[in-house]
């Protein structure tokens, strides 16, 4: 592959990574309320979902989402309802009394990390925008031939590494705000803001059209 193509894909993917979206909001919600480890578990979930979308796109299965109106509608609805559900859960929690002196997490660390991982995974796995990005990018940046699959996974890996670095940095930044997170007002403000924005992302996803 031409190095210029790799650089071009990297720049396009970087713009997608740093643009505001549900991933950043999930990190902003998770780290102050559940800790740094849970934030990294979110990131791990993101990466697994990217490779899932990338594999499906490389194998051509994701084409169904862009060719079948029914399949796209079902997938879009699942993703939108999941984002709205996270938002509603955050809003309900925001209006529940929080005792600042006690730890927020009553579940075991292992259960907390598993939950954070699956939240990160499902937030991306149920987002058809990721598949649409790969399906739009691959024809432009992957050369035809026997090495197309290898090049495809290389592009997915570039995208995944950028996500890992960007959101790992976000986790570290929010972890440094842990002192503020001990206050009930800050906790509720994070939950309220997250709830509103996630519901907004879910509503926006409902209006997404096939391209």
N, C-alpha and C. Protein backbone atom coordinates (compact mmCIF):
# COMPACT_ATOMS: atom_id res chain seq x y z
N UNK A 1 0.84 -1.20 0.00
CA UNK A 1 0.00 0.00 0.00
C UNK A 1 0.87 1.25 0.00
N UNK A 2 0.46 2.23 -0.74
CA UNK A 2 1.17 3.50 -0.82
C UNK A 2 1.15 4.18 0.56
N UNK A 3 2.32 4.64 1.06
CA UNK A 3 2.34 5.35 2.35
C UNK A 3 1.41 6.55 2.39
N UNK A 4 1.21 7.19 1.24
CA UNK A 4 0.29 8.33 1.18
C UNK A 4 -1.13 7.89 1.52
N UNK A 5 -1.50 6.69 1.05
CA UNK A 5 -2.84 6.18 1.36
C UNK A 5 -2.99 5.89 2.85
N UNK A 6 -1.93 5.34 3.43
CA UNK A 6 -1.98 5.06 4.87
C UNK A 6 -2.12 6.35 5.67
N UNK A 7 -1.34 7.36 5.29
CA UNK A 7 -1.41 8.65 5.98
C UNK A 7 -2.79 9.27 5.79
N UNK A 8 -3.33 9.18 4.58
CA UNK A 8 -4.66 9.74 4.31
C UNK A 8 -5.72 9.05 5.15
N UNK A 9 -5.67 7.72 5.22
CA UNK A 9 -6.64 7.00 6.05
C UNK A 9 -6.47 7.38 7.51
N UNK A 10 -5.23 7.49 7.97
CA UNK A 10 -4.97 7.84 9.36
C UNK A 10 -5.58 9.20 9.71
N UNK A 11 -5.44 10.16 8.81
CA UNK A 11 -5.99 11.50 9.06
C UNK A 11 -7.52 11.47 9.11
N UNK A 12 -8.11 10.72 8.16
CA UNK A 12 -9.57 10.61 8.14
C UNK A 12 -10.07 9.93 9.41
N UNK A 13 -9.41 8.82 9.79
CA UNK A 13 -9.81 8.09 10.99
C UNK A 13 -9.59 8.92 12.24
N UNK A 14 -8.52 9.73 12.26
CA UNK A 14 -8.24 10.57 13.42
C UNK A 14 -9.36 11.58 13.65
N UNK A 15 -9.85 12.16 12.57
CA UNK A 15 -10.96 13.11 12.69
C UNK A 15 -12.19 12.43 13.28
N UNK A 16 -12.41 11.18 12.89
CA UNK A 16 -13.54 10.42 13.43
C UNK A 16 -13.33 10.13 14.91
N UNK A 17 -12.10 9.80 15.29
CA UNK A 17 -11.80 9.45 16.68
C UNK A 17 -12.01 10.64 17.61
N UNK A 18 -11.50 11.81 17.23
CA UNK A 18 -11.52 12.96 18.15
C UNK A 18 -12.83 13.72 18.11
N UNK A 19 -13.70 13.42 17.14
CA UNK A 19 -14.98 14.12 17.09
C UNK A 19 -15.85 13.69 18.26
N UNK A 20 -16.63 14.61 18.83
CA UNK A 20 -17.48 14.26 19.99
C UNK A 20 -18.45 13.13 19.64
N UNK A 21 -18.60 12.21 20.55
CA UNK A 21 -19.49 11.08 20.31
C UNK A 21 -19.76 10.32 21.59
N UNK A 22 -20.51 9.23 21.49
CA UNK A 22 -20.87 8.47 22.70
C UNK A 22 -19.69 7.84 23.41
N UNK A 23 -18.59 7.55 22.71
CA UNK A 23 -17.43 6.95 23.37
C UNK A 23 -16.85 7.90 24.42
N UNK A 24 -16.64 9.15 24.02
CA UNK A 24 -16.10 10.13 24.96
C UNK A 24 -17.02 10.36 26.14
N UNK A 25 -18.32 10.40 25.88
CA UNK A 25 -19.27 10.61 26.97
C UNK A 25 -19.30 9.42 27.92
N UNK A 26 -19.14 8.22 27.36
CA UNK A 26 -19.12 7.03 28.22
C UNK A 26 -17.91 7.07 29.14
N UNK A 27 -16.76 7.47 28.61
CA UNK A 27 -15.56 7.61 29.44
C UNK A 27 -15.79 8.67 30.52
N UNK A 28 -16.38 9.79 30.12
CA UNK A 28 -16.62 10.88 31.07
C UNK A 28 -17.57 10.45 32.19
N UNK A 29 -18.46 9.53 31.89
CA UNK A 29 -19.38 9.03 32.91
C UNK A 29 -18.72 7.96 33.78
N UNK A 30 -17.99 7.07 33.15
CA UNK A 30 -17.48 5.90 33.85
C UNK A 30 -16.37 6.23 34.84
N UNK A 31 -15.36 6.99 34.39
CA UNK A 31 -14.17 7.19 35.22
C UNK A 31 -14.46 7.90 36.54
N UNK A 32 -15.17 9.05 36.53
CA UNK A 32 -15.42 9.71 37.83
C UNK A 32 -16.29 8.86 38.76
N UNK A 33 -17.16 8.04 38.21
CA UNK A 33 -18.10 7.30 39.03
C UNK A 33 -17.64 5.88 39.36
N UNK A 34 -16.79 5.29 38.51
CA UNK A 34 -16.40 3.90 38.73
C UNK A 34 -14.90 3.68 38.77
N UNK A 35 -14.11 4.69 38.41
CA UNK A 35 -12.66 4.56 38.54
C UNK A 35 -11.93 4.36 37.23
N UNK A 36 -10.61 4.48 37.33
CA UNK A 36 -9.74 4.40 36.16
C UNK A 36 -9.80 3.03 35.49
N UNK A 37 -9.78 1.96 36.28
CA UNK A 37 -9.80 0.62 35.71
C UNK A 37 -11.05 0.39 34.87
N UNK A 38 -12.19 0.88 35.35
CA UNK A 38 -13.42 0.74 34.60
C UNK A 38 -13.36 1.53 33.29
N UNK A 39 -12.69 2.68 33.33
CA UNK A 39 -12.52 3.46 32.10
C UNK A 39 -11.70 2.71 31.07
N UNK A 40 -10.62 2.07 31.53
CA UNK A 40 -9.82 1.26 30.60
C UNK A 40 -10.60 0.06 30.10
N UNK A 41 -11.50 -0.46 30.92
CA UNK A 41 -12.37 -1.56 30.48
C UNK A 41 -13.30 -1.08 29.37
N UNK A 42 -13.81 0.16 29.50
CA UNK A 42 -14.58 0.76 28.40
C UNK A 42 -13.78 0.75 27.11
N UNK A 43 -12.54 1.21 27.20
CA UNK A 43 -11.67 1.31 26.02
C UNK A 43 -11.45 -0.07 25.41
N UNK A 44 -11.24 -1.08 26.24
CA UNK A 44 -11.05 -2.44 25.73
C UNK A 44 -12.30 -2.89 24.97
N UNK A 45 -13.47 -2.52 25.47
CA UNK A 45 -14.70 -2.85 24.78
C UNK A 45 -14.80 -2.16 23.42
N UNK A 46 -14.34 -0.89 23.37
CA UNK A 46 -14.31 -0.18 22.09
C UNK A 46 -13.49 -0.96 21.06
N UNK A 47 -12.29 -1.39 21.48
CA UNK A 47 -11.36 -2.02 20.54
C UNK A 47 -11.92 -3.33 20.00
N UNK A 48 -12.51 -4.14 20.86
CA UNK A 48 -13.09 -5.41 20.41
C UNK A 48 -14.20 -5.14 19.40
N UNK A 49 -15.02 -4.12 19.66
CA UNK A 49 -16.11 -3.80 18.74
C UNK A 49 -15.58 -3.33 17.39
N UNK A 50 -14.48 -2.57 17.39
CA UNK A 50 -13.90 -2.12 16.12
C UNK A 50 -13.46 -3.31 15.27
N UNK A 51 -12.81 -4.28 15.92
CA UNK A 51 -12.37 -5.46 15.17
C UNK A 51 -13.56 -6.30 14.70
N UNK A 52 -14.63 -6.30 15.47
CA UNK A 52 -15.85 -6.99 15.03
C UNK A 52 -16.39 -6.33 13.77
N UNK A 53 -16.55 -5.00 13.81
CA UNK A 53 -17.05 -4.27 12.63
C UNK A 53 -16.09 -4.45 11.45
N UNK A 54 -14.79 -4.35 11.73
CA UNK A 54 -13.81 -4.48 10.66
C UNK A 54 -13.87 -5.85 10.01
N UNK A 55 -13.98 -6.90 10.82
CA UNK A 55 -14.05 -8.26 10.28
C UNK A 55 -15.30 -8.44 9.43
N UNK A 56 -16.43 -7.96 9.93
CA UNK A 56 -17.68 -8.09 9.17
C UNK A 56 -17.61 -7.31 7.86
N UNK A 57 -16.99 -6.15 7.90
CA UNK A 57 -16.87 -5.34 6.69
C UNK A 57 -15.94 -6.01 5.67
N UNK A 58 -14.82 -6.55 6.16
CA UNK A 58 -13.86 -7.21 5.27
C UNK A 58 -14.50 -8.45 4.63
N UNK A 59 -15.29 -9.17 5.42
CA UNK A 59 -15.95 -10.37 4.89
C UNK A 59 -17.16 -10.04 4.04
N UNK A 60 -17.57 -8.79 4.04
CA UNK A 60 -18.68 -8.38 3.20
C UNK A 60 -20.04 -8.50 3.85
N UNK A 61 -20.08 -8.97 5.10
CA UNK A 61 -21.37 -9.17 5.76
C UNK A 61 -22.05 -7.84 6.05
N UNK A 62 -21.25 -6.81 6.39
CA UNK A 62 -21.84 -5.52 6.72
C UNK A 62 -22.49 -4.84 5.52
N UNK A 63 -22.20 -5.33 4.32
CA UNK A 63 -22.85 -4.77 3.13
C UNK A 63 -24.36 -4.91 3.23
N UNK A 64 -24.78 -5.96 3.94
CA UNK A 64 -26.22 -6.18 4.12
C UNK A 64 -26.89 -4.97 4.75
N UNK A 65 -26.15 -4.32 5.68
CA UNK A 65 -26.72 -3.16 6.37
C UNK A 65 -26.95 -1.99 5.43
N UNK A 66 -26.13 -1.89 4.40
CA UNK A 66 -26.28 -0.78 3.46
C UNK A 66 -27.18 -1.14 2.29
N UNK A 67 -27.43 -2.43 2.07
CA UNK A 67 -28.25 -2.86 0.94
C UNK A 67 -29.67 -3.24 1.34
N UNK A 68 -29.83 -3.71 2.57
CA UNK A 68 -31.14 -4.13 3.05
C UNK A 68 -31.72 -3.09 3.99
N UNK A 69 -32.83 -2.49 3.59
CA UNK A 69 -33.47 -1.47 4.41
C UNK A 69 -33.95 -2.06 5.73
N UNK A 70 -34.47 -3.29 5.67
CA UNK A 70 -34.99 -3.93 6.88
C UNK A 70 -33.88 -4.22 7.88
N UNK A 71 -32.77 -4.80 7.39
CA UNK A 71 -31.65 -5.12 8.29
C UNK A 71 -31.06 -3.86 8.89
N UNK A 72 -30.91 -2.82 8.07
CA UNK A 72 -30.35 -1.57 8.57
C UNK A 72 -31.27 -0.96 9.62
N UNK A 73 -32.59 -1.01 9.39
CA UNK A 73 -33.54 -0.43 10.33
C UNK A 73 -33.47 -1.15 11.68
N UNK A 74 -33.42 -2.47 11.66
CA UNK A 74 -33.35 -3.24 12.91
C UNK A 74 -32.07 -2.93 13.67
N UNK A 75 -30.95 -2.92 12.95
CA UNK A 75 -29.66 -2.65 13.58
C UNK A 75 -29.62 -1.23 14.14
N UNK A 76 -30.16 -0.29 13.37
CA UNK A 76 -30.19 1.10 13.81
C UNK A 76 -31.06 1.25 15.06
N UNK A 77 -32.20 0.59 15.08
CA UNK A 77 -33.10 0.67 16.23
C UNK A 77 -32.45 0.10 17.48
N UNK A 78 -31.76 -1.04 17.34
CA UNK A 78 -31.09 -1.65 18.48
C UNK A 78 -30.04 -0.70 19.06
N UNK A 79 -29.24 -0.10 18.18
CA UNK A 79 -28.22 0.83 18.63
C UNK A 79 -28.82 2.06 19.29
N UNK A 80 -29.86 2.63 18.68
CA UNK A 80 -30.48 3.84 19.23
C UNK A 80 -31.13 3.55 20.58
N UNK A 81 -31.84 2.43 20.67
CA UNK A 81 -32.50 2.09 21.93
C UNK A 81 -31.49 1.82 23.04
N UNK A 82 -30.35 1.24 22.67
CA UNK A 82 -29.32 1.00 23.69
C UNK A 82 -28.76 2.32 24.22
N UNK A 83 -28.47 3.27 23.32
CA UNK A 83 -27.95 4.57 23.76
C UNK A 83 -28.98 5.30 24.61
N UNK A 84 -30.24 5.24 24.20
CA UNK A 84 -31.30 5.90 24.97
C UNK A 84 -31.45 5.24 26.33
N UNK A 85 -31.31 3.91 26.37
CA UNK A 85 -31.41 3.18 27.65
C UNK A 85 -30.30 3.61 28.60
N UNK A 86 -29.07 3.74 28.08
CA UNK A 86 -27.97 4.22 28.93
C UNK A 86 -28.28 5.62 29.45
N UNK A 87 -28.81 6.47 28.56
CA UNK A 87 -29.15 7.84 28.96
C UNK A 87 -30.22 7.87 30.05
N UNK A 88 -31.27 7.08 29.87
CA UNK A 88 -32.35 7.05 30.86
C UNK A 88 -31.85 6.50 32.19
N UNK A 89 -30.99 5.48 32.11
CA UNK A 89 -30.44 4.90 33.35
C UNK A 89 -29.61 5.95 34.10
N UNK A 90 -28.85 6.76 33.35
CA UNK A 90 -28.05 7.81 33.98
C UNK A 90 -28.94 8.88 34.61
N UNK A 91 -30.02 9.25 33.90
CA UNK A 91 -30.93 10.27 34.42
C UNK A 91 -31.63 9.79 35.69
N UNK A 92 -32.08 8.55 35.67
CA UNK A 92 -32.74 8.00 36.85
C UNK A 92 -31.78 7.98 38.03
N UNK A 93 -30.53 7.59 37.76
CA UNK A 93 -29.52 7.56 38.82
C UNK A 93 -29.21 8.95 39.33
N UNK A 94 -29.27 9.95 38.43
CA UNK A 94 -28.96 11.33 38.84
C UNK A 94 -29.97 11.87 39.83
N UNK A 95 -31.21 11.38 39.74
CA UNK A 95 -32.25 11.87 40.64
C UNK A 95 -32.43 10.97 41.85
N UNK A 96 -31.50 10.02 42.00
CA UNK A 96 -31.48 9.16 43.18
C UNK A 96 -30.49 9.72 44.16
N UNK A 97 -30.83 9.72 45.42
CA UNK A 97 -29.95 10.30 46.44
C UNK A 97 -28.60 9.60 46.45
N UNK A 98 -27.52 10.38 46.40
CA UNK A 98 -26.16 9.86 46.44
C UNK A 98 -25.50 10.30 47.73
N UNK A 99 -24.93 9.37 48.45
CA UNK A 99 -24.21 9.70 49.67
C UNK A 99 -22.74 9.84 49.35
N UNK A 100 -22.25 11.08 49.42
CA UNK A 100 -20.89 11.36 48.99
C UNK A 100 -19.84 10.66 49.83
N UNK A 101 -20.15 10.40 51.08
CA UNK A 101 -19.14 9.82 51.95
C UNK A 101 -18.89 8.35 51.69
N UNK A 102 -19.81 7.69 50.98
CA UNK A 102 -19.69 6.27 50.73
C UNK A 102 -19.26 6.02 49.30
N UNK A 103 -18.56 4.90 49.06
CA UNK A 103 -18.16 4.57 47.70
C UNK A 103 -19.38 4.37 46.83
N UNK A 104 -19.26 4.79 45.59
CA UNK A 104 -20.37 4.63 44.66
C UNK A 104 -20.56 3.17 44.28
N UNK A 105 -19.47 2.43 44.18
CA UNK A 105 -19.53 1.08 43.65
C UNK A 105 -19.79 0.08 44.76
N UNK A 106 -20.95 -0.57 44.70
CA UNK A 106 -21.28 -1.59 45.67
C UNK A 106 -21.05 -2.98 45.11
N UNK A 107 -20.89 -3.09 43.82
CA UNK A 107 -20.64 -4.38 43.20
C UNK A 107 -19.16 -4.70 43.28
N UNK A 108 -18.81 -5.97 43.04
CA UNK A 108 -17.42 -6.39 43.10
C UNK A 108 -16.62 -5.74 41.98
N UNK A 109 -15.30 -5.56 42.16
CA UNK A 109 -14.48 -4.96 41.10
C UNK A 109 -14.58 -5.73 39.79
N UNK A 110 -14.59 -7.07 39.87
CA UNK A 110 -14.65 -7.87 38.65
C UNK A 110 -15.95 -7.62 37.91
N UNK A 111 -17.06 -7.55 38.65
CA UNK A 111 -18.35 -7.30 38.01
C UNK A 111 -18.38 -5.91 37.41
N UNK A 112 -17.79 -4.94 38.12
CA UNK A 112 -17.75 -3.57 37.62
C UNK A 112 -16.97 -3.49 36.31
N UNK A 113 -15.81 -4.15 36.24
CA UNK A 113 -14.99 -4.13 35.03
C UNK A 113 -15.70 -4.83 33.88
N UNK A 114 -16.34 -5.95 34.17
CA UNK A 114 -17.08 -6.66 33.12
C UNK A 114 -18.20 -5.78 32.57
N UNK A 115 -18.92 -5.11 33.47
CA UNK A 115 -20.00 -4.24 33.02
C UNK A 115 -19.48 -3.08 32.19
N UNK A 116 -18.35 -2.49 32.59
CA UNK A 116 -17.77 -1.38 31.84
C UNK A 116 -17.29 -1.86 30.47
N UNK A 117 -16.71 -3.05 30.42
CA UNK A 117 -16.26 -3.60 29.14
C UNK A 117 -17.44 -3.78 28.19
N UNK A 118 -18.52 -4.37 28.66
CA UNK A 118 -19.66 -4.62 27.78
C UNK A 118 -20.38 -3.33 27.40
N UNK A 119 -20.36 -2.33 28.29
CA UNK A 119 -20.92 -1.03 27.91
C UNK A 119 -20.13 -0.44 26.75
N UNK A 120 -18.80 -0.49 26.85
CA UNK A 120 -17.97 0.02 25.76
C UNK A 120 -18.16 -0.78 24.49
N UNK A 121 -18.23 -2.10 24.63
CA UNK A 121 -18.40 -2.95 23.46
C UNK A 121 -19.74 -2.70 22.77
N UNK A 122 -20.82 -2.71 23.53
CA UNK A 122 -22.15 -2.56 22.92
C UNK A 122 -22.36 -1.16 22.35
N UNK A 123 -21.78 -0.14 23.00
CA UNK A 123 -21.92 1.23 22.49
C UNK A 123 -21.39 1.32 21.06
N UNK A 124 -20.34 0.55 20.74
CA UNK A 124 -19.78 0.58 19.39
C UNK A 124 -20.31 -0.53 18.50
N UNK A 125 -20.51 -1.72 19.07
CA UNK A 125 -20.98 -2.85 18.26
C UNK A 125 -22.35 -2.59 17.68
N UNK A 126 -23.20 -1.84 18.40
CA UNK A 126 -24.55 -1.55 17.93
C UNK A 126 -24.64 -0.21 17.19
N UNK A 127 -23.49 0.34 16.85
CA UNK A 127 -23.47 1.62 16.14
C UNK A 127 -23.18 1.36 14.65
N UNK A 128 -24.18 1.46 13.78
CA UNK A 128 -23.95 1.19 12.35
C UNK A 128 -23.02 2.18 11.69
N UNK A 129 -22.75 3.32 12.34
CA UNK A 129 -21.84 4.30 11.75
C UNK A 129 -20.43 3.74 11.59
N UNK A 130 -20.05 2.84 12.51
CA UNK A 130 -18.70 2.27 12.44
C UNK A 130 -18.58 1.40 11.20
N UNK A 131 -19.58 0.53 10.98
CA UNK A 131 -19.56 -0.30 9.78
C UNK A 131 -19.60 0.54 8.51
N UNK A 132 -20.41 1.59 8.53
CA UNK A 132 -20.52 2.45 7.35
C UNK A 132 -19.19 3.14 7.07
N UNK A 133 -18.46 3.51 8.13
CA UNK A 133 -17.16 4.13 7.93
C UNK A 133 -16.20 3.17 7.26
N UNK A 134 -16.14 1.93 7.75
CA UNK A 134 -15.23 0.96 7.16
C UNK A 134 -15.63 0.64 5.72
N UNK A 135 -16.92 0.48 5.48
CA UNK A 135 -17.36 0.15 4.13
C UNK A 135 -17.07 1.28 3.15
N UNK A 136 -17.11 2.52 3.65
CA UNK A 136 -16.81 3.66 2.78
C UNK A 136 -15.30 3.82 2.57
N UNK A 137 -14.52 3.48 3.62
CA UNK A 137 -13.07 3.71 3.55
C UNK A 137 -12.33 2.60 2.82
N UNK A 138 -12.73 1.36 3.03
CA UNK A 138 -11.98 0.24 2.48
C UNK A 138 -11.81 0.30 0.97
N UNK A 139 -12.87 0.57 0.19
CA UNK A 139 -12.68 0.60 -1.27
C UNK A 139 -11.69 1.67 -1.72
N UNK A 140 -11.55 2.74 -0.92
CA UNK A 140 -10.67 3.84 -1.30
C UNK A 140 -9.21 3.58 -0.92
N UNK A 141 -9.01 2.80 0.15
CA UNK A 141 -7.66 2.67 0.69
C UNK A 141 -7.08 1.26 0.60
N UNK A 142 -7.89 0.27 0.24
CA UNK A 142 -7.39 -1.10 0.16
C UNK A 142 -7.18 -1.48 -1.30
N UNK A 143 -5.97 -1.87 -1.68
CA UNK A 143 -5.73 -2.28 -3.07
C UNK A 143 -6.32 -3.65 -3.34
N UNK A 144 -6.75 -3.86 -4.56
CA UNK A 144 -7.31 -5.16 -4.94
C UNK A 144 -6.19 -6.19 -5.01
N UNK A 145 -6.52 -7.43 -4.68
CA UNK A 145 -5.52 -8.49 -4.75
C UNK A 145 -5.58 -9.40 -3.56
N UNK A 146 -4.65 -10.32 -3.49
CA UNK A 146 -4.64 -11.32 -2.44
C UNK A 146 -4.39 -10.73 -1.06
N UNK A 147 -3.72 -9.58 -1.01
CA UNK A 147 -3.37 -8.97 0.28
C UNK A 147 -4.45 -8.02 0.80
N UNK A 148 -5.61 -7.98 0.15
CA UNK A 148 -6.65 -7.03 0.55
C UNK A 148 -7.10 -7.26 1.99
N UNK A 149 -7.25 -8.52 2.40
CA UNK A 149 -7.70 -8.79 3.76
C UNK A 149 -6.68 -8.30 4.78
N UNK A 150 -5.40 -8.56 4.51
CA UNK A 150 -4.34 -8.11 5.42
C UNK A 150 -4.33 -6.59 5.53
N UNK A 151 -4.47 -5.91 4.39
CA UNK A 151 -4.52 -4.45 4.41
C UNK A 151 -5.74 -3.96 5.18
N UNK A 152 -6.86 -4.66 5.00
CA UNK A 152 -8.07 -4.26 5.71
C UNK A 152 -7.88 -4.31 7.22
N UNK A 153 -7.29 -5.39 7.72
CA UNK A 153 -7.06 -5.50 9.16
C UNK A 153 -6.00 -4.51 9.63
N UNK A 154 -5.08 -4.15 8.75
CA UNK A 154 -4.09 -3.15 9.12
C UNK A 154 -4.77 -1.79 9.34
N UNK A 155 -5.72 -1.46 8.47
CA UNK A 155 -6.45 -0.20 8.63
C UNK A 155 -7.30 -0.21 9.90
N UNK A 156 -7.94 -1.34 10.16
CA UNK A 156 -8.73 -1.46 11.39
C UNK A 156 -7.81 -1.29 12.60
N UNK A 157 -6.62 -1.86 12.54
CA UNK A 157 -5.67 -1.76 13.65
C UNK A 157 -5.21 -0.32 13.85
N UNK A 158 -4.98 0.41 12.76
CA UNK A 158 -4.61 1.82 12.87
C UNK A 158 -5.70 2.60 13.58
N UNK A 159 -6.94 2.37 13.15
CA UNK A 159 -8.09 3.04 13.76
C UNK A 159 -8.21 2.66 15.24
N UNK A 160 -8.01 1.36 15.55
CA UNK A 160 -8.14 0.89 16.93
C UNK A 160 -7.05 1.49 17.82
N UNK A 161 -5.82 1.55 17.33
CA UNK A 161 -4.72 2.10 18.13
C UNK A 161 -4.95 3.58 18.43
N UNK A 162 -5.42 4.31 17.43
CA UNK A 162 -5.70 5.74 17.67
C UNK A 162 -6.79 5.90 18.72
N UNK A 163 -7.83 5.06 18.64
CA UNK A 163 -8.87 5.11 19.65
C UNK A 163 -8.32 4.79 21.03
N UNK A 164 -7.47 3.76 21.10
CA UNK A 164 -6.90 3.36 22.38
C UNK A 164 -6.10 4.51 23.00
N UNK A 165 -5.25 5.15 22.20
CA UNK A 165 -4.42 6.23 22.72
C UNK A 165 -5.26 7.43 23.14
N UNK A 166 -6.21 7.80 22.30
CA UNK A 166 -7.04 8.98 22.58
C UNK A 166 -7.88 8.78 23.84
N UNK A 167 -8.57 7.65 23.91
CA UNK A 167 -9.47 7.45 25.04
C UNK A 167 -8.72 7.03 26.31
N UNK A 168 -7.55 6.40 26.17
CA UNK A 168 -6.73 6.13 27.35
C UNK A 168 -6.27 7.44 27.97
N UNK A 169 -5.94 8.41 27.12
CA UNK A 169 -5.57 9.74 27.63
C UNK A 169 -6.74 10.39 28.35
N UNK A 170 -7.95 10.22 27.79
CA UNK A 170 -9.13 10.76 28.45
C UNK A 170 -9.35 10.11 29.81
N UNK A 171 -9.13 8.79 29.88
CA UNK A 171 -9.29 8.08 31.15
C UNK A 171 -8.34 8.67 32.19
N UNK A 172 -7.09 8.89 31.82
CA UNK A 172 -6.09 9.42 32.75
C UNK A 172 -6.48 10.83 33.21
N UNK A 173 -6.95 11.64 32.26
CA UNK A 173 -7.34 13.01 32.62
C UNK A 173 -8.51 13.01 33.60
N UNK A 174 -9.53 12.21 33.31
CA UNK A 174 -10.68 12.18 34.21
C UNK A 174 -10.33 11.54 35.55
N UNK A 175 -9.39 10.60 35.54
CA UNK A 175 -8.97 9.98 36.80
C UNK A 175 -8.32 11.00 37.71
N UNK A 176 -7.65 11.99 37.13
CA UNK A 176 -7.00 13.03 37.94
C UNK A 176 -8.03 13.96 38.58
N UNK A 177 -9.26 13.88 38.10
CA UNK A 177 -10.33 14.68 38.69
C UNK A 177 -11.08 13.88 39.75
N UNK A 178 -10.46 12.80 40.25
CA UNK A 178 -11.16 11.90 41.16
C UNK A 178 -11.56 12.59 42.47
N UNK A 179 -10.81 13.58 42.87
CA UNK A 179 -11.16 14.27 44.11
C UNK A 179 -12.51 14.96 43.98
N UNK A 180 -12.73 15.58 42.82
CA UNK A 180 -14.02 16.24 42.60
C UNK A 180 -15.15 15.23 42.51
N UNK A 181 -14.83 14.03 42.02
CA UNK A 181 -15.86 13.00 41.82
C UNK A 181 -16.44 12.50 43.13
N UNK A 182 -15.78 12.79 44.26
CA UNK A 182 -16.29 12.34 45.54
C UNK A 182 -17.51 13.14 45.98
N UNK A 183 -17.73 14.28 45.38
CA UNK A 183 -18.85 15.13 45.77
C UNK A 183 -20.13 14.70 45.05
N UNK A 184 -21.20 14.62 45.79
CA UNK A 184 -22.48 14.18 45.24
C UNK A 184 -22.95 15.09 44.11
N UNK A 185 -22.70 16.40 44.24
CA UNK A 185 -23.14 17.32 43.19
C UNK A 185 -22.45 17.01 41.87
N UNK A 186 -21.14 16.76 41.92
CA UNK A 186 -20.39 16.44 40.71
C UNK A 186 -20.89 15.13 40.11
N UNK A 187 -21.13 14.13 40.94
CA UNK A 187 -21.62 12.84 40.47
C UNK A 187 -22.95 12.99 39.74
N UNK A 188 -23.86 13.74 40.36
CA UNK A 188 -25.17 13.92 39.75
C UNK A 188 -25.09 14.74 38.47
N UNK A 189 -24.20 15.74 38.45
CA UNK A 189 -24.05 16.55 37.25
C UNK A 189 -23.54 15.71 36.08
N UNK A 190 -22.57 14.81 36.35
CA UNK A 190 -22.06 13.93 35.31
C UNK A 190 -23.17 13.03 34.79
N UNK A 191 -23.94 12.44 35.71
CA UNK A 191 -25.02 11.54 35.30
C UNK A 191 -26.09 12.28 34.49
N UNK A 192 -26.44 13.48 34.94
CA UNK A 192 -27.46 14.25 34.25
C UNK A 192 -27.01 14.62 32.84
N UNK A 193 -25.77 15.12 32.73
CA UNK A 193 -25.24 15.50 31.42
C UNK A 193 -25.13 14.29 30.51
N UNK A 194 -24.63 13.18 31.06
CA UNK A 194 -24.49 11.95 30.27
C UNK A 194 -25.84 11.47 29.79
N UNK A 195 -26.83 11.48 30.67
CA UNK A 195 -28.16 11.02 30.29
C UNK A 195 -28.73 11.82 29.14
N UNK A 196 -28.64 13.14 29.23
CA UNK A 196 -29.19 14.00 28.18
C UNK A 196 -28.48 13.77 26.86
N UNK A 197 -27.14 13.70 26.90
CA UNK A 197 -26.36 13.56 25.66
C UNK A 197 -26.56 12.19 25.03
N UNK A 198 -26.60 11.12 25.85
CA UNK A 198 -26.80 9.79 25.29
C UNK A 198 -28.18 9.66 24.65
N UNK A 199 -29.18 10.24 25.27
CA UNK A 199 -30.52 10.23 24.67
C UNK A 199 -30.49 11.01 23.36
N UNK A 200 -29.73 12.11 23.33
CA UNK A 200 -29.58 12.87 22.10
C UNK A 200 -28.90 12.07 21.01
N UNK A 201 -27.82 11.33 21.37
CA UNK A 201 -27.15 10.47 20.40
C UNK A 201 -28.09 9.39 19.88
N UNK A 202 -28.87 8.83 20.80
CA UNK A 202 -29.83 7.80 20.38
C UNK A 202 -30.87 8.35 19.43
N UNK A 203 -31.37 9.55 19.74
CA UNK A 203 -32.35 10.18 18.84
C UNK A 203 -31.74 10.50 17.48
N UNK A 204 -30.49 10.94 17.48
CA UNK A 204 -29.81 11.23 16.21
C UNK A 204 -29.61 9.97 15.39
N UNK A 205 -29.29 8.86 16.08
CA UNK A 205 -29.11 7.60 15.38
C UNK A 205 -30.40 7.12 14.74
N UNK A 206 -31.54 7.43 15.36
CA UNK A 206 -32.83 7.04 14.80
C UNK A 206 -33.07 7.69 13.43
N UNK A 207 -32.46 8.85 13.23
CA UNK A 207 -32.67 9.57 11.97
C UNK A 207 -31.61 9.22 10.91
N UNK A 208 -30.66 8.34 11.29
CA UNK A 208 -29.59 7.98 10.36
C UNK A 208 -30.16 7.23 9.15
N UNK A 209 -29.74 7.62 7.97
CA UNK A 209 -30.18 6.97 6.72
C UNK A 209 -29.06 6.17 6.12
N UNK A 210 -29.42 5.14 5.35
CA UNK A 210 -28.42 4.35 4.64
C UNK A 210 -27.74 5.20 3.58
N UNK A 211 -26.43 4.97 3.41
CA UNK A 211 -25.67 5.72 2.40
C UNK A 211 -24.96 4.74 1.47
